[in-house]
Amino acid sequence: MKLSKRILRSTFFQNLIARLISSYISLVRSTVRWQEIVPDETRKYLEGDSNIIGCFWHARMIMMFNAWKGSDRSKFHMLISAHRDGRVIAKSIENLGFSTVEGSSRRGGATALVNLKRTLDKGGAIGITPDGPKGPRMRAKTGAIKAAQMTGRPILPVTGTVASRKVFNSWDRFVLPAPFTKGVIIWGTPIYVERDASKEQQEKYRLELEDQLNKLTQMADQSFRQNLIYPDPISIQEPSTQSDTIQEISDANT
């Protein structure tokens, strides 16, 4: 085994990396001068500790911890993959006082689905990156739609950016916000999915979620006159990735 892999698998170094990540997120949360734009029909769900399904693109993850205004951070749960990188992210999130739900496309997918429903039924909130963990970039899978259908809870699209940032050349064009700058969080309007929604209706809601998130993200970037980040082109094979319930719930994670 290579030394780098041994180091990354070390609990000590995982905890160290997680502490560095959570410390940086805390710095961004406390030093950025945030503006929040919330439609009237969305505001009622953000007052108090409402149990919603918050959806945001993988690249905007760091900014999204500022979007949760609930007094009890532990009621907000991020869906996190079970692989090594996911464990580091989970520890980072837990250091900030938030909770996580673990899921994997290879193992634990059914458990993640059950835990999502249980969390929402108990009044918690869920955060899902519908294009994570591997893309395609800014293309929504149907995991969030299935979760909304099962629980009757609304999906709330949300995005954000900051005036000073670093955009990485990763699959998602990950956005690293700088501290001590201006930022904006923009919420979309609720998406409700009927419990008896057909596959055609589910696809309509999936496209609505994707369209809202992309428009909101462009709006956020344009507010600071930044270069726009576009979704991956739609491939012929892409529709076939929209059908497996457990796979999509567990794939729509960080």
Protein backbone atom coordinates (compact mmCIF):
# COMPACT_ATOMS: atom_id res chain seq x y z
CA MET A 1 0.00 0.00 0.00
CA LYS A 2 1.32 3.43 -0.90
CA LEU A 3 2.29 5.73 1.94
CA SER A 4 -0.22 8.38 0.84
CA LYS A 5 -3.09 5.87 1.06
CA ARG A 6 -1.93 4.72 4.49
CA ILE A 7 -1.89 8.31 5.69
CA LEU A 8 -5.37 9.00 4.30
CA ARG A 9 -6.72 5.86 5.97
CA SER A 10 -5.24 6.89 9.31
CA THR A 11 -7.88 7.98 11.82
CA PHE A 12 -5.48 10.60 13.16
CA PHE A 13 -4.99 12.25 9.76
CA GLN A 14 -8.67 11.94 8.89
CA ASN A 15 -9.52 13.80 12.08
CA LEU A 16 -6.82 16.38 11.39
CA ILE A 17 -8.07 17.05 7.85
CA ALA A 18 -11.66 17.18 9.10
CA ARG A 19 -10.68 19.73 11.75
CA LEU A 20 -8.95 21.92 9.17
CA ILE A 21 -11.98 21.78 6.86
CA SER A 22 -14.49 22.59 9.61
CA SER A 23 -12.30 25.43 10.90
CA TYR A 24 -12.18 26.97 7.43
CA ILE A 25 -15.95 26.65 6.98
CA SER A 26 -16.45 28.34 10.37
CA LEU A 27 -14.14 31.16 9.27
CA VAL A 28 -16.15 31.66 6.08
CA ARG A 29 -19.47 31.52 7.94
CA SER A 30 -18.41 34.16 10.46
CA THR A 31 -16.49 36.61 8.26
CA VAL A 32 -18.45 36.74 4.99
CA ARG A 33 -21.10 39.49 4.83
CA TRP A 34 -24.04 37.40 3.72
CA GLN A 35 -27.18 38.52 1.91
CA GLU A 36 -30.09 36.10 1.71
CA ILE A 37 -32.84 36.12 -0.92
CA VAL A 38 -35.93 34.11 0.05
CA PRO A 39 -39.25 33.91 -1.85
CA ASP A 40 -42.34 34.42 0.32
CA GLU A 41 -43.61 30.87 -0.26
CA THR A 42 -40.27 29.49 0.93
CA ARG A 43 -39.80 31.68 3.98
CA LYS A 44 -42.38 29.83 6.11
CA TYR A 45 -40.31 26.65 5.83
CA LEU A 46 -37.16 28.38 7.01
CA GLU A 47 -38.68 29.86 10.14
CA GLY A 48 -37.97 27.59 13.07
CA ASP A 49 -36.73 24.05 12.55
CA SER A 50 -38.82 22.88 9.63
CA ASN A 51 -38.20 19.43 8.15
CA ILE A 52 -37.37 20.13 4.54
CA ILE A 53 -35.26 18.54 1.81
CA GLY A 54 -32.65 21.11 0.89
CA CYS A 55 -30.99 20.56 -2.50
CA PHE A 56 -27.84 22.29 -3.73
CA TRP A 57 -25.11 21.51 -6.21
CA HIS A 58 -22.04 19.67 -4.95
CA ALA A 59 -19.75 22.56 -5.89
CA ARG A 60 -21.59 24.99 -3.59
CA MET A 61 -21.44 22.81 -0.50
CA ILE A 62 -19.31 25.05 1.73
CA MET A 63 -21.61 28.06 1.38
CA MET A 64 -24.70 26.01 2.21
CA PHE A 65 -23.91 25.61 5.89
CA ASN A 66 -24.71 29.30 6.20
CA ALA A 67 -28.15 28.68 4.70
CA TRP A 68 -29.41 26.66 7.68
CA LYS A 69 -30.85 29.08 10.23
CA GLY A 70 -32.36 26.55 12.62
CA SER A 71 -31.42 27.00 16.27
CA ASP A 72 -30.51 23.30 16.57
CA ARG A 73 -27.84 22.41 14.00
CA SER A 74 -28.11 18.71 14.84
CA LYS A 75 -31.55 18.67 13.17
CA PHE A 76 -29.90 19.30 9.79
CA HIS A 77 -28.58 16.06 8.27
CA MET A 78 -26.31 15.83 5.24
CA LEU A 79 -26.44 12.70 3.12
CA ILE A 80 -22.82 11.52 2.90
CA SER A 81 -21.25 8.66 0.96
CA ALA A 82 -19.59 5.80 2.85
CA HIS A 83 -16.20 5.95 1.10
CA ARG A 84 -13.04 7.34 2.71
CA ASP A 85 -13.51 10.92 1.45
CA GLY A 86 -17.11 10.80 2.64
CA ARG A 87 -15.98 9.87 6.16
CA VAL A 88 -13.67 12.89 6.28
CA ILE A 89 -16.49 15.17 5.10
CA ALA A 90 -18.86 13.61 7.65
CA LYS A 91 -16.41 14.34 10.47
CA SER A 92 -16.01 17.91 9.22
CA ILE A 93 -19.77 18.43 9.23
CA GLU A 94 -20.16 16.89 12.67
CA ASN A 95 -17.42 19.20 14.00
CA LEU A 96 -19.68 22.08 12.97
CA GLY A 97 -22.56 20.65 15.02
CA PHE A 98 -24.55 19.24 12.10
CA SER A 99 -25.57 15.61 11.63
CA THR A 100 -25.03 13.15 8.78
CA VAL A 101 -26.79 10.20 7.16
CA GLU A 102 -24.49 7.68 5.52
CA GLY A 103 -25.31 6.07 2.18
CA SER A 104 -23.47 4.33 -0.63
CA SER A 105 -24.35 3.18 -4.13
CA ARG A 106 -22.53 -0.09 -3.41
CA ARG A 107 -23.64 -0.79 0.17
CA GLY A 108 -26.03 0.74 2.63
CA GLY A 109 -28.28 2.35 0.02
CA ALA A 110 -31.48 0.83 1.42
CA THR A 111 -30.44 1.82 4.94
CA ALA A 112 -29.81 5.39 3.80
CA LEU A 113 -33.29 5.53 2.29
CA VAL A 114 -34.88 4.33 5.53
CA ASN A 115 -32.79 6.77 7.60
CA LEU A 116 -33.77 9.69 5.37
CA LYS A 117 -37.45 8.96 5.88
CA ARG A 118 -36.99 8.45 9.63
CA THR A 119 -35.09 11.74 9.93
CA LEU A 120 -37.78 13.69 8.08
CA ASP A 121 -40.60 11.98 9.98
CA LYS A 122 -38.96 13.09 13.25
CA GLY A 123 -38.89 16.72 12.13
CA GLY A 124 -35.29 16.89 10.93
CA ALA A 125 -34.06 18.50 7.73
CA ILE A 126 -32.06 16.80 4.98
CA GLY A 127 -29.37 18.22 2.71
CA ILE A 128 -28.76 16.45 -0.61
CA THR A 129 -26.40 17.27 -3.47
CA PRO A 130 -28.42 15.87 -6.40
CA ASP A 131 -25.42 15.84 -8.75
CA GLY A 132 -23.07 14.17 -6.26
CA PRO A 133 -20.85 12.44 -5.57
CA LYS A 134 -19.50 12.00 -9.10
CA GLY A 135 -21.76 13.96 -11.44
CA PRO A 136 -22.66 14.73 -14.12
CA ARG A 137 -22.14 18.31 -12.96
CA MET A 138 -25.31 20.29 -12.26
CA ARG A 139 -27.56 17.45 -13.48
CA ALA A 140 -30.06 16.24 -10.89
CA LYS A 141 -30.59 12.58 -10.12
CA THR A 142 -34.01 11.51 -8.85
CA GLY A 143 -32.97 10.65 -5.27
CA ALA A 144 -34.40 13.85 -3.80
CA ILE A 145 -37.60 13.39 -5.80
CA LYS A 146 -38.04 9.88 -4.36
CA ALA A 147 -37.40 11.17 -0.83
CA ALA A 148 -40.01 13.91 -1.27
CA GLN A 149 -42.49 11.41 -2.69
CA MET A 150 -42.05 9.01 0.24
CA THR A 151 -42.26 11.62 3.00
CA GLY A 152 -44.53 14.34 1.63
CA ARG A 153 -41.92 16.96 2.54
CA PRO A 154 -41.07 19.82 0.15
CA ILE A 155 -37.81 20.12 -1.78
CA LEU A 156 -36.22 23.56 -1.42
CA PRO A 157 -33.54 24.39 -4.01
CA VAL A 158 -30.80 26.67 -2.68
CA THR A 159 -27.48 27.98 -3.95
CA GLY A 160 -24.90 30.61 -3.21
CA THR A 161 -21.58 32.21 -4.01
CA VAL A 162 -19.17 34.85 -2.76
CA ALA A 163 -17.50 37.83 -4.40
CA SER A 164 -14.00 36.37 -3.98
CA ARG A 165 -13.57 32.68 -4.69
CA LYS A 166 -11.43 29.94 -6.21
CA VAL A 167 -13.04 27.62 -8.78
CA PHE A 168 -11.23 24.30 -9.10
CA ASN A 169 -10.91 22.33 -12.32
CA SER A 170 -12.70 19.34 -10.77
CA TRP A 171 -15.66 17.43 -12.19
CA ASP A 172 -18.07 19.75 -10.32
CA ARG A 173 -16.02 22.97 -10.67
CA PHE A 174 -15.87 23.14 -6.88
CA VAL A 175 -16.18 26.65 -5.47
CA LEU A 176 -13.91 27.54 -2.54
CA PRO A 177 -15.15 30.78 -0.95
CA ALA A 178 -12.67 33.26 0.46
CA PRO A 179 -13.26 34.72 3.94
CA PHE A 180 -13.77 38.43 4.60
CA THR A 181 -15.82 39.10 1.47
CA LYS A 182 -19.46 39.45 0.41
CA GLY A 183 -21.72 36.48 -0.24
CA VAL A 184 -25.26 35.64 -1.28
CA ILE A 185 -27.57 32.73 -0.53
CA ILE A 186 -30.55 32.38 -2.90
CA TRP A 187 -33.50 30.08 -2.24
CA GLY A 188 -35.88 28.75 -4.85
CA THR A 189 -39.56 27.88 -4.51
CA PRO A 190 -40.85 24.63 -2.96
CA ILE A 191 -41.28 21.52 -5.09
CA TYR A 192 -43.98 19.14 -3.89
CA VAL A 193 -44.07 15.56 -5.17
CA GLU A 194 -47.33 13.59 -4.95
CA ARG A 195 -47.08 10.19 -3.29
CA ASP A 196 -48.66 8.56 -6.34
CA ALA A 197 -46.52 10.44 -8.89
CA SER A 198 -45.86 8.40 -12.01
CA LYS A 199 -42.40 7.97 -13.55
CA GLU A 200 -43.27 10.67 -16.08
CA GLN A 201 -44.28 13.05 -13.28
CA GLN A 202 -41.14 12.23 -11.31
CA GLU A 203 -39.08 13.14 -14.36
CA LYS A 204 -40.96 16.43 -14.61
CA TYR A 205 -40.10 17.25 -10.98
CA ARG A 206 -36.48 16.22 -11.52
CA LEU A 207 -36.21 18.63 -14.43
CA GLU A 208 -37.89 21.35 -12.37
CA LEU A 209 -35.33 20.89 -9.59
CA GLU A 210 -32.44 20.93 -12.06
CA ASP A 211 -33.81 24.00 -13.85
CA GLN A 212 -34.40 25.94 -10.64
CA LEU A 213 -30.93 25.17 -9.28
CA ASN A 214 -29.19 26.16 -12.51
CA LYS A 215 -31.12 29.41 -12.84
CA LEU A 216 -30.53 30.29 -9.18
CA THR A 217 -26.82 29.51 -9.51
CA GLN A 218 -26.48 31.71 -12.59
CA MET A 219 -28.35 34.48 -10.75
CA ALA A 220 -25.95 34.21 -7.80
CA ASP A 221 -22.83 34.31 -10.00
CA GLN A 222 -24.18 37.19 -12.08
CA SER A 223 -24.75 39.21 -8.91
CA PHE A 224 -20.94 39.41 -8.56
CA ARG A 225 -20.27 39.49 -12.32
CA GLN A 226 -18.48 36.15 -12.19
CA ASN A 227 -17.88 33.74 -15.03
CA LEU A 228 -20.82 31.36 -15.27
CA ILE A 229 -20.37 27.64 -14.62
CA TYR A 230 -22.48 25.51 -16.93
CA PRO A 231 -23.92 21.99 -16.49
CA ASP A 232 -22.30 19.01 -18.15
CA PRO A 233 -23.75 18.32 -21.60
CA ILE A 234 -26.60 15.82 -21.59
CA SER A 235 -25.44 12.44 -22.88
CA ILE A 236 -27.51 9.77 -24.59
CA GLN A 237 -26.86 7.40 -21.69
CA GLU A 238 -28.00 9.88 -19.04
CA PRO A 239 -31.73 8.95 -18.91
CA SER A 240 -30.86 5.38 -17.90
CA THR A 241 -29.35 6.70 -14.67
CA GLN A 242 -32.71 8.02 -13.51
CA SER A 243 -34.58 4.78 -12.76
CA ASP A 244 -33.12 2.87 -9.79
CA THR A 245 -34.63 4.16 -6.53
CA ILE A 246 -32.03 2.94 -4.03
CA GLN A 247 -29.09 3.67 -6.31
CA GLU A 248 -30.26 7.24 -6.87
CA ILE A 249 -31.05 7.99 -3.23
CA SER A 250 -27.58 6.82 -2.22
CA ASP A 251 -25.85 8.35 -5.24
CA ALA A 252 -27.41 11.76 -4.64
CA ASN A 253 -24.98 12.43 -1.83
CA THR A 254 -21.76 14.24 -1.07
